[in-house]
Protein backbone atom coordinates (compact mmCIF):
# COMPACT_ATOMS: atom_id res chain seq x y z
CA MET A 1 104.74 190.34 111.56
CA LEU A 2 106.19 186.89 110.82
CA ALA A 3 104.66 185.50 114.02
CA ARG A 4 101.24 186.86 113.00
CA LEU A 5 101.51 185.27 109.58
CA ARG A 6 102.49 181.93 111.13
CA THR A 7 99.57 182.20 113.57
CA ALA A 8 97.15 182.93 110.73
CA ARG A 9 98.52 180.00 108.74
CA GLY A 10 98.13 177.69 111.74
CA VAL A 11 94.54 178.82 112.29
CA VAL A 12 93.69 178.30 108.61
CA ARG A 13 95.21 174.81 108.83
CA SER A 14 92.94 173.99 111.77
CA LEU A 15 89.88 175.38 110.00
CA ARG A 16 90.57 173.12 107.03
CA ILE A 17 91.03 170.07 109.25
CA TYR A 18 87.91 170.58 111.35
CA TYR A 19 85.54 172.08 108.79
CA GLY A 20 86.80 170.75 105.48
CA VAL A 21 85.59 167.14 105.64
CA ARG A 22 82.28 166.40 103.90
CA GLY A 23 79.73 164.90 106.27
CA ARG A 24 81.69 165.76 109.41
CA ALA A 25 79.07 168.20 110.77
CA ALA A 26 76.32 165.59 110.56
CA ALA A 27 78.59 163.00 112.19
CA LEU A 28 79.36 165.40 115.06
CA ASP A 29 75.65 166.06 115.61
CA THR A 30 74.79 162.36 115.64
CA PHE A 31 77.60 161.57 118.06
CA TYR A 32 77.04 164.43 120.51
CA GLY A 33 73.29 163.92 120.35
CA GLU A 34 73.97 161.10 122.80
CA PHE A 35 74.80 163.72 125.44
CA VAL A 36 73.24 167.04 124.43
CA ARG A 37 69.58 168.01 124.19
CA ARG A 38 67.83 171.21 123.14
CA GLY A 39 68.00 173.79 125.92
CA ASP A 40 71.02 172.19 127.64
CA LEU A 41 74.03 174.17 128.79
CA VAL A 42 77.38 172.84 127.51
CA PHE A 43 80.93 173.84 128.49
CA ASP A 44 83.53 173.53 125.71
CA ILE A 45 86.88 173.69 127.52
CA GLY A 46 89.55 174.16 124.88
CA ALA A 47 87.18 175.26 122.12
CA HIS A 48 89.93 175.80 119.52
CA VAL A 49 88.25 176.74 116.19
CA GLY A 50 84.74 175.96 117.39
CA ASP A 51 83.62 172.92 115.40
CA ARG A 52 82.14 171.43 118.59
CA ILE A 53 80.46 174.75 119.42
CA ALA A 54 78.75 174.64 116.04
CA SER A 55 77.51 171.11 116.70
CA PHE A 56 76.25 171.94 120.18
CA ARG A 57 74.37 174.93 118.77
CA ARG A 58 72.81 172.83 115.99
CA LEU A 59 71.63 170.48 118.75
CA GLY A 60 69.96 173.46 120.43
CA ALA A 61 72.33 173.91 123.37
CA ARG A 62 73.70 177.05 124.98
CA VAL A 63 77.49 177.04 125.02
CA VAL A 64 80.19 178.50 127.23
CA ALA A 65 83.29 178.27 125.02
CA VAL A 66 86.59 178.53 126.88
CA GLU A 67 89.71 179.30 124.84
CA PRO A 68 92.80 181.06 126.27
CA GLN A 69 94.65 181.58 122.98
CA PRO A 70 93.97 185.23 121.98
CA ALA A 71 93.88 184.59 118.22
CA LEU A 72 91.44 181.70 118.61
CA ALA A 73 89.24 183.50 121.14
CA LYS A 74 88.97 186.39 118.68
CA LEU A 75 88.05 183.96 115.91
CA LEU A 76 85.36 182.34 118.06
CA ARG A 77 83.82 185.73 118.85
CA LEU A 78 83.75 186.60 115.15
CA MET A 79 82.20 183.26 114.24
CA ASN A 80 79.51 183.56 116.92
CA TRP A 81 78.91 187.30 117.09
CA ARG A 82 75.24 186.95 116.18
CA SER A 83 74.49 184.29 118.78
CA ARG A 84 73.45 185.20 122.30
CA GLU A 85 73.60 181.49 123.09
CA VAL A 86 77.41 181.35 122.87
CA ILE A 87 79.62 182.97 125.50
CA VAL A 88 83.37 183.02 124.80
CA GLU A 89 85.61 183.03 127.87
CA GLU A 90 89.21 183.95 126.98
CA ILE A 91 90.72 182.13 129.93
CA ALA A 92 92.44 178.90 130.93
CA VAL A 93 90.84 176.36 133.27
CA GLY A 94 92.75 174.52 135.97
CA SER A 95 92.72 173.40 139.59
CA ARG A 96 92.77 176.94 140.99
CA ALA A 97 92.07 180.53 140.06
CA GLY A 98 95.04 182.70 139.15
CA THR A 99 97.29 182.77 136.09
CA ALA A 100 98.86 180.12 133.87
CA ALA A 101 101.80 180.05 131.48
CA LEU A 102 100.36 179.04 128.12
CA MET A 103 102.91 177.64 125.67
CA ILE A 104 101.86 178.40 122.11
CA ASN A 105 102.56 176.19 119.12
CA VAL A 106 102.33 178.91 116.49
CA ASP A 107 102.24 176.55 113.51
CA ASN A 108 99.82 174.08 115.09
CA PRO A 109 97.74 175.95 117.68
CA THR A 110 95.58 172.90 118.42
CA VAL A 111 98.42 171.53 120.60
CA SER A 112 99.18 174.71 122.54
CA THR A 113 99.24 173.82 126.22
CA ALA A 114 99.63 174.93 129.82
CA SER A 115 101.38 171.64 130.68
CA THR A 116 105.18 171.52 130.64
CA ALA A 117 104.90 167.76 131.22
CA PHE A 118 102.98 167.44 127.94
CA ILE A 119 105.78 169.17 126.02
CA THR A 120 108.39 166.99 127.73
CA ALA A 121 106.44 163.85 126.80
CA ALA A 122 106.10 165.01 123.19
CA ARG A 123 109.82 165.60 122.68
CA GLY A 124 111.18 162.75 120.58
CA ALA A 125 107.92 160.79 120.64
CA PRO A 126 106.91 159.21 117.30
CA GLY A 127 104.64 161.56 115.39
CA TRP A 128 105.49 164.56 117.53
CA GLN A 129 108.97 165.40 116.24
CA ALA A 130 107.87 168.39 114.16
CA GLN A 131 106.04 170.15 116.99
CA ALA A 132 107.54 173.25 118.59
CA TRP A 133 106.24 175.58 121.29
CA SER A 134 107.94 178.88 120.53
CA GLU A 135 105.90 181.40 122.52
CA THR A 136 104.79 181.58 126.14
CA ILE A 137 102.14 183.99 127.34
CA SER A 138 100.55 184.53 130.74
CA VAL A 139 96.78 184.01 130.77
CA PRO A 140 94.15 184.23 133.51
CA MET A 141 92.96 180.89 134.89
CA THR A 142 89.70 179.87 136.54
CA THR A 143 88.12 176.58 137.62
CA LEU A 144 85.14 174.54 136.49
CA ASP A 145 83.50 175.24 139.84
CA ALA A 146 83.85 178.99 139.22
CA LEU A 147 82.43 178.66 135.70
CA ILE A 148 79.47 176.74 137.11
CA ALA A 149 78.91 179.44 139.74
CA ARG A 150 78.93 182.05 136.95
CA HIS A 151 76.99 180.31 134.20
CA GLY A 152 75.07 177.40 135.75
CA VAL A 153 75.43 173.62 135.80
CA PRO A 154 76.16 172.15 132.35
CA ALA A 155 74.65 168.93 131.07
CA PHE A 156 77.91 168.12 129.30
CA ILE A 157 81.53 169.28 129.59
CA LYS A 158 84.02 168.69 126.77
CA ILE A 159 87.66 169.00 127.89
CA ASP A 160 90.48 169.14 125.33
CA VAL A 161 93.49 170.96 126.76
CA GLU A 162 96.60 169.03 125.69
CA GLY A 163 97.80 167.31 128.83
CA PHE A 164 96.14 169.68 131.33
CA GLU A 165 92.95 167.62 131.63
CA ALA A 166 93.65 166.31 135.14
CA GLU A 167 94.22 169.87 136.34
CA VAL A 168 90.88 170.90 134.87
CA LEU A 169 89.05 168.05 136.57
CA ALA A 170 90.76 168.85 139.88
CA GLY A 171 88.83 172.13 139.82
CA LEU A 172 85.46 170.34 139.67
CA SER A 173 83.90 169.35 142.98
CA ARG A 174 80.49 168.15 141.81
CA GLY A 175 79.24 165.67 139.27
CA VAL A 176 77.49 166.67 136.05
CA ASP A 177 75.48 164.43 133.74
CA ALA A 178 78.37 163.68 131.40
CA LEU A 179 81.79 164.87 130.31
CA SER A 180 84.64 163.98 127.99
CA PHE A 181 88.37 164.47 128.23
CA GLU A 182 91.09 164.02 125.64
CA PHE A 183 93.86 161.48 126.20
CA THR A 184 97.19 160.85 124.48
CA THR A 185 99.30 157.70 124.54
CA ILE A 186 102.37 159.81 125.36
CA GLN A 187 100.69 160.71 128.67
CA ARG A 188 98.64 157.73 129.80
CA ASP A 189 99.26 158.74 133.41
CA VAL A 190 97.20 161.90 132.86
CA ALA A 191 94.34 159.90 131.36
CA LEU A 192 94.38 157.43 134.25
CA ALA A 193 94.38 160.31 136.74
CA CYS A 194 91.33 161.73 134.94
CA VAL A 195 89.52 158.39 135.18
CA GLU A 196 90.31 158.22 138.88
CA ARG A 197 88.97 161.73 139.40
CA CYS A 198 85.81 160.93 137.45
CA VAL A 199 85.17 157.86 139.60
CA ALA A 200 85.64 160.00 142.73
CA LEU A 201 83.05 162.43 141.33
CA GLY A 202 80.53 159.60 140.95
CA PHE A 203 80.84 158.75 137.27
CA SER A 204 80.29 155.03 136.76
CA ARG A 205 79.93 154.50 133.00
CA PHE A 206 82.75 155.05 130.54
CA ASN A 207 83.43 154.76 126.83
CA ALA A 208 86.01 156.14 124.41
CA ALA A 209 86.57 157.19 120.83
CA LEU A 210 89.95 157.08 119.08
CA GLY A 211 91.21 160.13 117.22
CA GLU A 212 88.46 161.95 115.35
CA THR A 213 86.54 158.78 114.49
CA LEU A 214 83.38 159.87 116.34
CA ALA A 215 82.67 156.20 117.02
CA PHE A 216 82.65 154.49 120.39
CA ALA A 217 85.35 151.88 120.94
CA HIS A 218 83.06 149.75 123.13
CA ALA A 219 79.63 148.46 122.20
CA ASP A 220 78.55 148.72 125.86
CA TRP A 221 79.54 151.28 128.46
CA ILE A 222 82.12 149.95 130.92
CA GLY A 223 83.37 150.78 134.42
CA GLY A 224 86.29 152.91 135.53
CA ALA A 225 88.65 149.98 136.11
CA ALA A 226 87.88 148.58 132.65
CA ILE A 227 88.45 151.87 130.83
CA GLY A 228 91.72 152.22 132.76
CA ARG A 229 92.88 148.82 131.50
CA TRP A 230 91.84 149.73 127.96
CA LEU A 231 93.89 152.94 128.12
CA ALA A 232 96.90 151.09 129.52
CA ASP A 233 96.74 148.44 126.77
CA LEU A 234 96.40 150.82 123.81
CA PRO A 235 99.28 150.65 121.33
CA GLN A 236 101.42 153.77 121.22
CA ALA A 237 100.35 154.33 117.61
CA ALA A 238 96.76 154.95 118.74
CA ASN A 239 98.06 158.42 119.64
CA SER A 240 94.97 160.14 121.03
CA GLY A 241 91.24 160.14 121.54
CA ASP A 242 88.59 161.04 124.07
CA VAL A 243 87.16 159.26 127.09
CA TYR A 244 83.47 159.82 127.85
CA ALA A 245 82.10 159.54 131.40
CA CYS A 246 78.46 159.41 132.48
CA HIS A 247 76.58 158.91 135.70
CA GLY A 248 74.66 155.65 136.10
């Protein structure tokens, strides 16, 4: 019972963060309008409480929302039960099909992860001291290639999986129009591996946004080597953000 109450409290905390800021919905729509058009298919890998799903739907896209945490997947189904344009996949995404050990942060579910390296990097890092991963569950895992075979080729893929981003991209063997992946300064190696994989997949234009600013860090799109240098030079206090990759 206590675990359920803590889970509910963590979910409510996330809902307040991602839905409680005036003007945030309009800012999301303006920002993602760069990548998403009416009728597009979008994959939201690590959908969490669905604020990006809501934006993609307002932009007229169909959404495959992937979220392995049972409580959050249930929430997403409840929030989108009327929409035939949103499919919720309660599954993890990685480099292979099978199962994954998902480590749950009950009090802060947004940082639940399938990456033990992420938890190791977070231990003792400034700003991460209060985080604890107290539950581990086994969840099914698929790949981006398998999701594409099942649902079609997306115009945009958003990846936010707390240190597992390189594993997700390793399960993609073809380019799409555009994608984003989260990075953290406690795991720059993961971000650089993601850039390298994107370049191998044919992405040539990159940009980034720090935190939840929804503003590009670079006035002009830059190459893979340049975004790699930018990631390497970020101060530790920058903490996190998202890299965006597009074809030419």
